[in-house]
Each structure stands twice: as structure tokens, then as C-alpha cells.
């Protein structure tokens, strides 16, 4: 980040701040695109493997459609976030780079990871969803048992805690 302090000498602190805003915004959009893409893959894998979504701890019938809508909206915003630089008389290399730098960086790092680590895409039919769901149920059951044991040990000693426990729940 040292180079950014030098940029403030020539570009002004406000310009550098707007670069940070643009880079952070694009990064957040890329992150949400990844989350939504993974959710679409999960829901599709559940359907292909014949596992009802009701077996998940939280589910909703319309989440697949909202994930598609959210992904499309995030991609539109991501690709048009710096559109102003493409209009007549508004070309600015700094704005272009700060608006669109995250896209090639994520692609390069993703493909680099795939090549270096020699990982592959897991087919939706091969995802071990049943085992993961059972493992999650076992953990949830164990956590519930631990909580019951802890509650039994505490007894009524701290009854007032249950009135404010909504803060942490």
C-alpha cells in the first residue's frame, strides 16, 4: 500500500479514495457472483441426485430463481460499473482500471490455481451431498445434546440470561 501513498501526491487523496471504492465494489460483486453461482450448483446437484431441498437446514422454494436473478443483476452491475469511461469524451484509464481490474485478476488467479494445483471441476452427480447432509445432521444433534447438558448443569442459577440471550442468538 506504500505506492498508494505516493499516488496521493499527484492524483489527490480523493481520486485514490474513489479507486478504492471502485475496486472494493467490484470485488464485492465478484464475491457475490461466486456465492450465487455456487448456490445454483448446489441446488442443481440436489435435484440431479434426487435429494429434496427440505433436508437442508434452511431452504426455500424460490431461492434458485432468486439466485439466477441475483447473479444476472450482479454481472450487469459488475460489467457496467465503469461504463461511463466508454461514453464519448469520458475515457479515463484510471477509472477503467479501477472499475474492471478485479475481473481479469479473479480469472487469472482462478485458472492459475486450477493449473498449478491440478484441480478439476467436480461433476454435480459426483458431489457427496448425502454424506455431507448426514454429517451436518450429526453435528447439529451433537451440538443440541451439548447445549442440553450445559443447560442442565447451569440449572436456574442464571435465569436472567434467558431474557437477554436474544442478543447473541
Foldseek 3Di string as FASTA:
>chain_A
DVVLVVVCVPPNPVLSVVLVVQQVLLVVLVVLLVVLVVVLLQVVLCVVQVHDPVLDPDDDDCSNVVSVVSNVVSVVCLVCVLVQLVDPPNPDPSSVCSSNVVVVVVVVVVVVCCVVVVDDDDDSPRPPVVVVSVVVVVVVVVVVVVVVVVCVVCDCVPVVCVVVVVVVD
